[in-house]
Amino acid sequence: MTLVKIQEFKVCLNEERYYDAHEALEEIWFPRRFDKTDNEVMLLKGFINAAVSFELHKLGKIQQGKKIWITYLKYRQLLFKVESPYLNEYYQLSRFVEELKKSF
């Protein structure tokens, strides 16, 4: 399920459906959201924040979007501490997200 949701997240971002991207990853993050010691859970939260940042920018809320982007960057650092079978997908996703951010 996780791999499917990662792919869905990327498709939604690519189609500028940022809210839907947020929802895709929230399905796997939400049940685990209280596990603050799990780096993968916190990294997922970061990716969700990236989508929220893009949505805010799309809505013209530039300053709020910038604040949320900083939160993404905070959690992105956990990419180097994650032990997951999806690590390669997370690396690719972080590169995709950061390339997308350059277009804003």
PDB file of N, CA and C in Angstrom:
ATOM      1  N   MET A   1       0.827  -1.202   0.000  1.00  0.00           N
ATOM      2  CA  MET A   1       0.000   0.000   0.000  1.00  0.00           C
ATOM      3  C   MET A   1       0.869   1.264   0.000  1.00  0.00           C
ATOM      4  N   THR A   2       1.956   1.242   0.759  1.00  0.00           N
ATOM      5  CA  THR A   2       2.801   2.425   0.850  1.00  0.00           C
ATOM      6  C   THR A   2       3.336   2.836  -0.513  1.00  0.00           C
ATOM      7  N   LEU A   3       3.825   1.877  -1.281  1.00  0.00           N
ATOM      8  CA  LEU A   3       4.368   2.196  -2.599  1.00  0.00           C
ATOM      9  C   LEU A   3       3.301   2.812  -3.502  1.00  0.00           C
ATOM     10  N   VAL A   4       2.100   2.282  -3.441  1.00  0.00           N
ATOM     11  CA  VAL A   4       0.992   2.813  -4.240  1.00  0.00           C
ATOM     12  C   VAL A   4       0.704   4.258  -3.839  1.00  0.00           C
ATOM     13  N   LYS A   5       0.712   4.534  -2.551  1.00  0.00           N
ATOM     14  CA  LYS A   5       0.418   5.892  -2.070  1.00  0.00           C
ATOM     15  C   LYS A   5       1.543   6.872  -2.416  1.00  0.00           C
ATOM     16  N   ILE A   6       2.784   6.392  -2.399  1.00  0.00           N
ATOM     17  CA  ILE A   6       3.905   7.241  -2.808  1.00  0.00           C
ATOM     18  C   ILE A   6       3.739   7.618  -4.277  1.00  0.00           C
ATOM     19  N   GLN A   7       3.399   6.633  -5.096  1.00  0.00           N
ATOM     20  CA  GLN A   7       3.198   6.893  -6.521  1.00  0.00           C
ATOM     21  C   GLN A   7       2.012   7.824  -6.749  1.00  0.00           C
ATOM     22  N   GLU A   8       0.938   7.611  -5.999  1.00  0.00           N
ATOM     23  CA  GLU A   8      -0.236   8.483  -6.105  1.00  0.00           C
ATOM     24  C   GLU A   8       0.120   9.917  -5.722  1.00  0.00           C
ATOM     25  N   PHE A   9       0.910  10.071  -4.664  1.00  0.00           N
ATOM     26  CA  PHE A   9       1.368  11.380  -4.222  1.00  0.00           C
ATOM     27  C   PHE A   9       2.091  12.101  -5.353  1.00  0.00           C
ATOM     28  N   LYS A  10       2.994  11.388  -5.998  1.00  0.00           N
ATOM     29  CA  LYS A  10       3.776  11.985  -7.079  1.00  0.00           C
ATOM     30  C   LYS A  10       2.901  12.372  -8.269  1.00  0.00           C
ATOM     31  N   VAL A  11       1.970  11.512  -8.630  1.00  0.00           N
ATOM     32  CA  VAL A  11       1.054  11.815  -9.740  1.00  0.00           C
ATOM     33  C   VAL A  11       0.238  13.063  -9.419  1.00  0.00           C
ATOM     34  N   CYS A  12      -0.280  13.123  -8.217  1.00  0.00           N
ATOM     35  CA  CYS A  12      -1.081  14.290  -7.821  1.00  0.00           C
ATOM     36  C   CYS A  12      -0.254  15.573  -7.863  1.00  0.00           C
ATOM     37  N   LEU A  13       0.981  15.517  -7.381  1.00  0.00           N
ATOM     38  CA  LEU A  13       1.838  16.693  -7.442  1.00  0.00           C
ATOM     39  C   LEU A  13       2.064  17.105  -8.887  1.00  0.00           C
ATOM     40  N   ASN A  14       2.325  16.135  -9.725  1.00  0.00           N
ATOM     41  CA  ASN A  14       2.590  16.399 -11.136  1.00  0.00           C
ATOM     42  C   ASN A  14       1.390  17.049 -11.818  1.00  0.00           C
ATOM     43  N   GLU A  15       0.202  16.698 -11.357  1.00  0.00           N
ATOM     44  CA  GLU A  15      -1.033  17.249 -11.921  1.00  0.00           C
ATOM     45  C   GLU A  15      -1.513  18.497 -11.169  1.00  0.00           C
ATOM     46  N   GLU A  16      -0.677  19.006 -10.282  1.00  0.00           N
ATOM     47  CA  GLU A  16      -0.994  20.188  -9.472  1.00  0.00           C
ATOM     48  C   GLU A  16      -2.232  19.997  -8.600  1.00  0.00           C
ATOM     49  N   ARG A  17      -2.475  18.771  -8.196  1.00  0.00           N
ATOM     50  CA  ARG A  17      -3.557  18.444  -7.259  1.00  0.00           C
ATOM     51  C   ARG A  17      -2.910  18.235  -5.886  1.00  0.00           C
ATOM     52  N   TYR A  18      -2.478  19.337  -5.316  1.00  0.00           N
ATOM     53  CA  TYR A  18      -1.679  19.288  -4.105  1.00  0.00           C
ATOM     54  C   TYR A  18      -2.471  18.796  -2.894  1.00  0.00           C
ATOM     55  N   TYR A  19      -3.721  19.189  -2.829  1.00  0.00           N
ATOM     56  CA  TYR A  19      -4.555  18.709  -1.714  1.00  0.00           C
ATOM     57  C   TYR A  19      -4.701  17.190  -1.795  1.00  0.00           C
ATOM     58  N   ASP A  20      -4.929  16.673  -2.993  1.00  0.00           N
ATOM     59  CA  ASP A  20      -5.058  15.221  -3.170  1.00  0.00           C
ATOM     60  C   ASP A  20      -3.752  14.511  -2.840  1.00  0.00           C
ATOM     61  N   ALA A  21      -2.628  15.140  -3.164  1.00  0.00           N
ATOM     62  CA  ALA A  21      -1.325  14.559  -2.830  1.00  0.00           C
ATOM     63  C   ALA A  21      -1.198  14.429  -1.310  1.00  0.00           C
ATOM     64  N   HIS A  22      -1.572  15.488  -0.636  1.00  0.00           N
ATOM     65  CA  HIS A  22      -1.573  15.487   0.836  1.00  0.00           C
ATOM     66  C   HIS A  22      -2.406  14.321   1.366  1.00  0.00           C
ATOM     67  N   GLU A  23      -3.591  14.151   0.813  1.00  0.00           N
ATOM     68  CA  GLU A  23      -4.493  13.087   1.262  1.00  0.00           C
ATOM     69  C   GLU A  23      -3.909  11.696   1.009  1.00  0.00           C
ATOM     70  N   ALA A  24      -3.214  11.529  -0.114  1.00  0.00           N
ATOM     71  CA  ALA A  24      -2.645  10.220  -0.453  1.00  0.00           C
ATOM     72  C   ALA A  24      -1.667   9.749   0.621  1.00  0.00           C
ATOM     73  N   LEU A  25      -0.750  10.610   1.010  1.00  0.00           N
ATOM     74  CA  LEU A  25       0.226  10.200   2.028  1.00  0.00           C
ATOM     75  C   LEU A  25      -0.373  10.187   3.425  1.00  0.00           C
ATOM     76  N   GLU A  26      -1.369  11.012   3.637  1.00  0.00           N
ATOM     77  CA  GLU A  26      -1.984  11.022   4.967  1.00  0.00           C
ATOM     78  C   GLU A  26      -2.612   9.660   5.298  1.00  0.00           C
ATOM     79  N   GLU A  27      -3.049   8.953   4.294  1.00  0.00           N
ATOM     80  CA  GLU A  27      -3.626   7.619   4.540  1.00  0.00           C
ATOM     81  C   GLU A  27      -2.644   6.673   5.209  1.00  0.00           C
ATOM     82  N   ILE A  28      -1.361   6.800   4.888  1.00  0.00           N
ATOM     83  CA  ILE A  28      -0.385   5.914   5.546  1.00  0.00           C
ATOM     84  C   ILE A  28       0.248   6.576   6.777  1.00  0.00           C
ATOM     85  N   TRP A  29       0.274   7.895   6.808  1.00  0.00           N
ATOM     86  CA  TRP A  29       0.848   8.599   7.957  1.00  0.00           C
ATOM     87  C   TRP A  29      -0.101   8.632   9.151  1.00  0.00           C
ATOM     88  N   PHE A  30      -1.372   8.916   8.902  1.00  0.00           N
ATOM     89  CA  PHE A  30      -2.331   9.178   9.979  1.00  0.00           C
ATOM     90  C   PHE A  30      -2.410   8.070  11.040  1.00  0.00           C
ATOM     91  N   PRO A  31      -2.498   6.797  10.657  1.00  0.00           N
ATOM     92  CA  PRO A  31      -2.586   5.765  11.702  1.00  0.00           C
ATOM     93  C   PRO A  31      -1.323   5.669  12.561  1.00  0.00           C
ATOM     94  N   ARG A  32      -0.215   6.191  12.074  1.00  0.00           N
ATOM     95  CA  ARG A  32       1.063   6.087  12.787  1.00  0.00           C
ATOM     96  C   ARG A  32       1.536   7.430  13.333  1.00  0.00           C
ATOM     97  N   ARG A  33       0.718   8.451  13.242  1.00  0.00           N
ATOM     98  CA  ARG A  33       1.125   9.829  13.506  1.00  0.00           C
ATOM     99  C   ARG A  33       1.658  10.089  14.919  1.00  0.00           C
ATOM    100  N   PHE A  34       1.303   9.259  15.873  1.00  0.00           N
ATOM    101  CA  PHE A  34       1.750   9.494  17.244  1.00  0.00           C
ATOM    102  C   PHE A  34       3.118   8.894  17.527  1.00  0.00           C
ATOM    103  N   ASP A  35       3.674   8.149  16.587  1.00  0.00           N
ATOM    104  CA  ASP A  35       4.984   7.543  16.774  1.00  0.00           C
ATOM    105  C   ASP A  35       6.064   8.540  16.360  1.00  0.00           C
ATOM    106  N   LYS A  36       6.384   9.434  17.262  1.00  0.00           N
ATOM    107  CA  LYS A  36       7.348  10.508  16.986  1.00  0.00           C
ATOM    108  C   LYS A  36       8.789   9.999  16.930  1.00  0.00           C
ATOM    109  N   THR A  37       9.007   8.752  17.284  1.00  0.00           N
ATOM    110  CA  THR A  37      10.352   8.186  17.250  1.00  0.00           C
ATOM    111  C   THR A  37      10.644   7.471  15.934  1.00  0.00           C
ATOM    112  N   ASP A  38       9.643   7.315  15.092  1.00  0.00           N
ATOM    113  CA  ASP A  38       9.815   6.631  13.814  1.00  0.00           C
ATOM    114  C   ASP A  38      10.156   7.648  12.732  1.00  0.00           C
ATOM    115  N   ASN A  39      11.382   7.602  12.259  1.00  0.00           N
ATOM    116  CA  ASN A  39      11.832   8.575  11.262  1.00  0.00           C
ATOM    117  C   ASN A  39      11.025   8.515   9.981  1.00  0.00           C
ATOM    118  N   GLU A  40      10.562   7.332   9.609  1.00  0.00           N
ATOM    119  CA  GLU A  40       9.763   7.211   8.386  1.00  0.00           C
ATOM    120  C   GLU A  40       8.438   7.950   8.534  1.00  0.00           C
ATOM    121  N   VAL A  41       7.822   7.843   9.681  1.00  0.00           N
ATOM    122  CA  VAL A  41       6.557   8.536   9.944  1.00  0.00           C
ATOM    123  C   VAL A  41       6.763  10.045   9.862  1.00  0.00           C
ATOM    124  N   MET A  42       7.850  10.510  10.434  1.00  0.00           N
ATOM    125  CA  MET A  42       8.120  11.945  10.430  1.00  0.00           C
ATOM    126  C   MET A  42       8.498  12.428   9.025  1.00  0.00           C
ATOM    127  N   LEU A  43       9.174  11.600   8.252  1.00  0.00           N
ATOM    128  CA  LEU A  43       9.490  11.957   6.871  1.00  0.00           C
ATOM    129  C   LEU A  43       8.215  12.068   6.045  1.00  0.00           C
ATOM    130  N   LEU A  44       7.293  11.149   6.251  1.00  0.00           N
ATOM    131  CA  LEU A  44       5.999  11.228   5.561  1.00  0.00           C
ATOM    132  C   LEU A  44       5.297  12.536   5.905  1.00  0.00           C
ATOM    133  N   LYS A  45       5.365  12.915   7.175  1.00  0.00           N
ATOM    134  CA  LYS A  45       4.781  14.191   7.604  1.00  0.00           C
ATOM    135  C   LYS A  45       5.426  15.339   6.838  1.00  0.00           C
ATOM    136  N   GLY A  46       6.724  15.252   6.626  1.00  0.00           N
ATOM    137  CA  GLY A  46       7.422  16.278   5.864  1.00  0.00           C
ATOM    138  C   GLY A  46       6.923  16.374   4.435  1.00  0.00           C
ATOM    139  N   PHE A  47       6.744  15.233   3.780  1.00  0.00           N
ATOM    140  CA  PHE A  47       6.232  15.239   2.411  1.00  0.00           C
ATOM    141  C   PHE A  47       4.815  15.810   2.360  1.00  0.00           C
ATOM    142  N   ILE A  48       4.023  15.495   3.358  1.00  0.00           N
ATOM    143  CA  ILE A  48       2.670  16.054   3.441  1.00  0.00           C
ATOM    144  C   ILE A  48       2.757  17.579   3.554  1.00  0.00           C
ATOM    145  N   ASN A  49       3.697  18.055   4.361  1.00  0.00           N
ATOM    146  CA  ASN A  49       3.894  19.502   4.502  1.00  0.00           C
ATOM    147  C   ASN A  49       4.316  20.137   3.187  1.00  0.00           C
ATOM    148  N   ALA A  50       5.121  19.438   2.398  1.00  0.00           N
ATOM    149  CA  ALA A  50       5.518  19.969   1.088  1.00  0.00           C
ATOM    150  C   ALA A  50       4.279  20.182   0.224  1.00  0.00           C
ATOM    151  N   ALA A  51       3.374  19.206   0.213  1.00  0.00           N
ATOM    152  CA  ALA A  51       2.146  19.337  -0.579  1.00  0.00           C
ATOM    153  C   ALA A  51       1.289  20.495  -0.068  1.00  0.00           C
ATOM    154  N   VAL A  52       1.212  20.650   1.230  1.00  0.00           N
ATOM    155  CA  VAL A  52       0.454  21.765   1.813  1.00  0.00           C
ATOM    156  C   VAL A  52       1.086  23.098   1.393  1.00  0.00           C
ATOM    157  N   SER A  53       2.396  23.155   1.412  1.00  0.00           N
ATOM    158  CA  SER A  53       3.101  24.360   0.983  1.00  0.00           C
ATOM    159  C   SER A  53       2.744  24.716  -0.460  1.00  0.00           C
ATOM    160  N   PHE A  54       2.724  23.713  -1.327  1.00  0.00           N
ATOM    161  CA  PHE A  54       2.381  23.955  -2.728  1.00  0.00           C
ATOM    162  C   PHE A  54       0.935  24.417  -2.874  1.00  0.00           C
ATOM    163  N   GLU A  55       0.039  23.822  -2.098  1.00  0.00           N
ATOM    164  CA  GLU A  55      -1.376  24.215  -2.156  1.00  0.00           C
ATOM    165  C   GLU A  55      -1.543  25.659  -1.698  1.00  0.00           C
ATOM    166  N   LEU A  56      -0.867  26.022  -0.630  1.00  0.00           N
ATOM    167  CA  LEU A  56      -0.955  27.403  -0.142  1.00  0.00           C
ATOM    168  C   LEU A  56      -0.425  28.386  -1.185  1.00  0.00           C
ATOM    169  N   HIS A  57       0.654  28.021  -1.816  1.00  0.00           N
ATOM    170  CA  HIS A  57       1.204  28.875  -2.878  1.00  0.00           C
ATOM    171  C   HIS A  57       0.202  29.019  -4.017  1.00  0.00           C
ATOM    172  N   LYS A  58      -0.406  27.907  -4.387  1.00  0.00           N
ATOM    173  CA  LYS A  58      -1.417  27.908  -5.457  1.00  0.00           C
ATOM    174  C   LYS A  58      -2.582  28.833  -5.109  1.00  0.00           C
ATOM    175  N   LEU A  59      -2.918  28.902  -3.830  1.00  0.00           N
ATOM    176  CA  LEU A  59      -4.019  29.751  -3.366  1.00  0.00           C
ATOM    177  C   LEU A  59      -3.593  31.201  -3.138  1.00  0.00           C
ATOM    178  N   GLY A  60      -2.329  31.498  -3.433  1.00  0.00           N
ATOM    179  CA  GLY A  60      -1.838  32.858  -3.275  1.00  0.00           C
ATOM    180  C   GLY A  60      -1.390  33.195  -1.861  1.00  0.00           C
ATOM    181  N   LYS A  61      -1.308  32.202  -1.008  1.00  0.00           N
ATOM    182  CA  LYS A  61      -0.874  32.407   0.378  1.00  0.00           C
ATOM    183  C   LYS A  61       0.624  32.106   0.465  1.00  0.00           C
ATOM    184  N   ILE A  62       1.389  32.984  -0.141  1.00  0.00           N
ATOM    185  CA  ILE A  62       2.819  32.762  -0.342  1.00  0.00           C
ATOM    186  C   ILE A  62       3.585  32.656   0.978  1.00  0.00           C
ATOM    187  N   GLN A  63       3.360  33.587   1.890  1.00  0.00           N
ATOM    188  CA  GLN A  63       4.098  33.568   3.164  1.00  0.00           C
ATOM    189  C   GLN A  63       3.803  32.314   3.977  1.00  0.00           C
ATOM    190  N   GLN A  64       2.536  31.910   4.035  1.00  0.00           N
ATOM    191  CA  GLN A  64       2.180  30.690   4.761  1.00  0.00           C
ATOM    192  C   GLN A  64       2.835  29.475   4.106  1.00  0.00           C
ATOM    193  N   GLY A  65       2.844  29.479   2.777  1.00  0.00           N
ATOM    194  CA  GLY A  65       3.477  28.385   2.053  1.00  0.00           C
ATOM    195  C   GLY A  65       4.963  28.282   2.346  1.00  0.00           C
ATOM    196  N   LYS A  66       5.626  29.424   2.464  1.00  0.00           N
ATOM    197  CA  LYS A  66       7.054  29.426   2.781  1.00  0.00           C
ATOM    198  C   LYS A  66       7.316  28.853   4.171  1.00  0.00           C
ATOM    199  N   LYS A  67       6.451  29.202   5.126  1.00  0.00           N
ATOM    200  CA  LYS A  67       6.608  28.677   6.491  1.00  0.00           C
ATOM    201  C   LYS A  67       6.461  27.161   6.512  1.00  0.00           C
ATOM    202  N   ILE A  68       5.479  26.653   5.799  1.00  0.00           N
ATOM    203  CA  ILE A  68       5.252  25.207   5.759  1.00  0.00           C
ATOM    204  C   ILE A  68       6.405  24.512   5.034  1.00  0.00           C
ATOM    205  N   TRP A  69       6.957  25.153   4.005  1.00  0.00           N
ATOM    206  CA  TRP A  69       8.100  24.579   3.286  1.00  0.00           C
ATOM    207  C   TRP A  69       9.289  24.386   4.233  1.00  0.00           C
ATOM    208  N   ILE A  70       9.494  25.318   5.134  1.00  0.00           N
ATOM    209  CA  ILE A  70      10.571  25.190   6.124  1.00  0.00           C
ATOM    210  C   ILE A  70      10.349  23.953   6.985  1.00  0.00           C
ATOM    211  N   THR A  71       9.107  23.663   7.297  1.00  0.00           N
ATOM    212  CA  THR A  71       8.789  22.460   8.056  1.00  0.00           C
ATOM    213  C   THR A  71       9.152  21.216   7.250  1.00  0.00           C
ATOM    214  N   TYR A  72       8.835  21.227   5.949  1.00  0.00           N
ATOM    215  CA  TYR A  72       9.243  20.103   5.094  1.00  0.00           C
ATOM    216  C   TYR A  72      10.755  19.903   5.176  1.00  0.00           C
ATOM    217  N   LEU A  73      11.514  20.991   5.057  1.00  0.00           N
ATOM    218  CA  LEU A  73      12.974  20.895   5.078  1.00  0.00           C
ATOM    219  C   LEU A  73      13.479  20.309   6.393  1.00  0.00           C
ATOM    220  N   LYS A  74      12.799  20.649   7.479  1.00  0.00           N
ATOM    221  CA  LYS A  74      13.182  20.104   8.789  1.00  0.00           C
ATOM    222  C   LYS A  74      13.045  18.579   8.793  1.00  0.00           C
ATOM    223  N   TYR A  75      11.935  18.087   8.290  1.00  0.00           N
ATOM    224  CA  TYR A  75      11.702  16.640   8.283  1.00  0.00           C
ATOM    225  C   TYR A  75      12.495  15.933   7.187  1.00  0.00           C
ATOM    226  N   ARG A  76      12.826  16.629   6.122  1.00  0.00           N
ATOM    227  CA  ARG A  76      13.578  16.030   5.017  1.00  0.00           C
ATOM    228  C   ARG A  76      14.917  15.497   5.486  1.00  0.00           C
ATOM    229  N   GLN A  77      15.512  16.128   6.472  1.00  0.00           N
ATOM    230  CA  GLN A  77      16.793  15.674   7.012  1.00  0.00           C
ATOM    231  C   GLN A  77      16.725  14.234   7.516  1.00  0.00           C
ATOM    232  N   LEU A  78      15.541  13.801   7.874  1.00  0.00           N
ATOM    233  CA  LEU A  78      15.369  12.432   8.376  1.00  0.00           C
ATOM    234  C   LEU A  78      15.550  11.390   7.282  1.00  0.00           C
ATOM    235  N   LEU A  79      15.562  11.831   6.043  1.00  0.00           N
ATOM    236  CA  LEU A  79      15.767  10.930   4.914  1.00  0.00           C
ATOM    237  C   LEU A  79      17.040  10.108   5.111  1.00  0.00           C
ATOM    238  N   PHE A  80      18.023  10.681   5.757  1.00  0.00           N
ATOM    239  CA  PHE A  80      19.297  10.013   5.958  1.00  0.00           C
ATOM    240  C   PHE A  80      19.305   9.095   7.179  1.00  0.00           C
ATOM    241  N   LYS A  81      18.174   9.039   7.870  1.00  0.00           N
ATOM    242  CA  LYS A  81      18.065   8.193   9.069  1.00  0.00           C
ATOM    243  C   LYS A  81      16.975   7.131   8.939  1.00  0.00           C
ATOM    244  N   VAL A  82      16.284   7.127   7.820  1.00  0.00           N
ATOM    245  CA  VAL A  82      15.157   6.214   7.626  1.00  0.00           C
ATOM    246  C   VAL A  82      15.658   4.829   7.246  1.00  0.00           C
ATOM    247  N   GLU A  83      15.091   3.850   7.905  1.00  0.00           N
ATOM    248  CA  GLU A  83      15.316   2.457   7.520  1.00  0.00           C
ATOM    249  C   GLU A  83      13.973   1.945   7.023  1.00  0.00           C
ATOM    250  N   SER A  84      13.881   1.770   5.708  1.00  0.00           N
ATOM    251  CA  SER A  84      12.606   1.414   5.103  1.00  0.00           C
ATOM    252  C   SER A  84      12.852   0.721   3.774  1.00  0.00           C
ATOM    253  N   PRO A  85      11.962  -0.212   3.417  1.00  0.00           N
ATOM    254  CA  PRO A  85      12.071  -0.806   2.078  1.00  0.00           C
ATOM    255  C   PRO A  85      11.746   0.208   0.980  1.00  0.00           C
ATOM    256  N   TYR A  86      11.234   1.364   1.356  1.00  0.00           N
ATOM    257  CA  TYR A  86      10.849   2.401   0.402  1.00  0.00           C
ATOM    258  C   TYR A  86      11.868   3.537   0.343  1.00  0.00           C
ATOM    259  N   LEU A  87      13.033   3.316   0.894  1.00  0.00           N
ATOM    260  CA  LEU A  87      14.033   4.377   0.979  1.00  0.00           C
ATOM    261  C   LEU A  87      14.364   4.964  -0.395  1.00  0.00           C
ATOM    262  N   ASN A  88      14.548   4.129  -1.380  1.00  0.00           N
ATOM    263  CA  ASN A  88      14.851   4.627  -2.722  1.00  0.00           C
ATOM    264  C   ASN A  88      13.716   5.512  -3.245  1.00  0.00           C
ATOM    265  N   GLU A  89      12.481   5.105  -3.011  1.00  0.00           N
ATOM    266  CA  GLU A  89      11.336   5.909  -3.447  1.00  0.00           C
ATOM    267  C   GLU A  89      11.306   7.251  -2.722  1.00  0.00           C
ATOM    268  N   TYR A  90      11.659   7.235  -1.437  1.00  0.00           N
ATOM    269  CA  TYR A  90      11.685   8.489  -0.685  1.00  0.00           C
ATOM    270  C   TYR A  90      12.767   9.431  -1.224  1.00  0.00           C
ATOM    271  N   TYR A  91      13.927   8.889  -1.558  1.00  0.00           N
ATOM    272  CA  TYR A  91      14.983   9.717  -2.150  1.00  0.00           C
ATOM    273  C   TYR A  91      14.496  10.337  -3.457  1.00  0.00           C
ATOM    274  N   GLN A  92      13.921   9.521  -4.305  1.00  0.00           N
ATOM    275  CA  GLN A  92      13.418  10.019  -5.587  1.00  0.00           C
ATOM    276  C   GLN A  92      12.325  11.066  -5.375  1.00  0.00           C
ATOM    277  N   LEU A  93      11.457  10.805  -4.412  1.00  0.00           N
ATOM    278  CA  LEU A  93      10.373  11.736  -4.133  1.00  0.00           C
ATOM    279  C   LEU A  93      10.916  13.074  -3.629  1.00  0.00           C
ATOM    280  N   SER A  94      11.921  13.037  -2.792  1.00  0.00           N
ATOM    281  CA  SER A  94      12.487  14.295  -2.294  1.00  0.00           C
ATOM    282  C   SER A  94      13.090  15.096  -3.444  1.00  0.00           C
ATOM    283  N   ARG A  95      13.748  14.441  -4.359  1.00  0.00           N
ATOM    284  CA  ARG A  95      14.312  15.146  -5.520  1.00  0.00           C
ATOM    285  C   ARG A  95      13.196  15.728  -6.383  1.00  0.00           C
ATOM    286  N   PHE A  96      12.131  14.959  -6.573  1.00  0.00           N
ATOM    287  CA  PHE A  96      10.994  15.423  -7.368  1.00  0.00           C
ATOM    288  C   PHE A  96      10.344  16.648  -6.724  1.00  0.00           C
ATOM    289  N   VAL A  97      10.105  16.562  -5.423  1.00  0.00           N
ATOM    290  CA  VAL A  97       9.465  17.655  -4.675  1.00  0.00           C
ATOM    291  C   VAL A  97      10.318  18.920  -4.761  1.00  0.00           C
ATOM    292  N   GLU A  98      11.618  18.760  -4.614  1.00  0.00           N
ATOM    293  CA  GLU A  98      12.479  19.928  -4.613  1.00  0.00           C
ATOM    294  C   GLU A  98      12.632  20.534  -6.007  1.00  0.00           C
ATOM    295  N   GLU A  99      12.559  19.724  -7.020  1.00  0.00           N
ATOM    296  CA  GLU A  99      12.536  20.252  -8.392  1.00  0.00           C
ATOM    297  C   GLU A  99      11.238  21.013  -8.655  1.00  0.00           C
ATOM    298  N   LEU A 100      10.149  20.469  -8.173  1.00  0.00           N
ATOM    299  CA  LEU A 100       8.851  21.117  -8.325  1.00  0.00           C
ATOM    300  C   LEU A 100       8.854  22.470  -7.614  1.00  0.00           C
ATOM    301  N   LYS A 101       9.456  22.525  -6.464  1.00  0.00           N
ATOM    302  CA  LYS A 101       9.508  23.773  -5.687  1.00  0.00           C
ATOM    303  C   LYS A 101      10.195  24.887  -6.469  1.00  0.00           C
ATOM    304  N   LYS A 102      11.162  24.535  -7.290  1.00  0.00           N
ATOM    305  CA  LYS A 102      11.881  25.539  -8.092  1.00  0.00           C
ATOM    306  C   LYS A 102      10.966  26.273  -9.061  1.00  0.00           C
ATOM    307  N   SER A 103       9.822  25.672  -9.400  1.00  0.00           N
ATOM    308  CA  SER A 103       8.909  26.296 -10.342  1.00  0.00           C
ATOM    309  C   SER A 103       8.019  27.360  -9.680  1.00  0.00           C
ATOM    310  N   PHE A 104       8.096  27.482  -8.383  1.00  0.00           N
ATOM    311  CA  PHE A 104       7.269  28.463  -7.671  1.00  0.00           C
ATOM    312  C   PHE A 104       8.001  29.779  -7.514  1.00  0.00           C
TER     313      PHE A 104
END
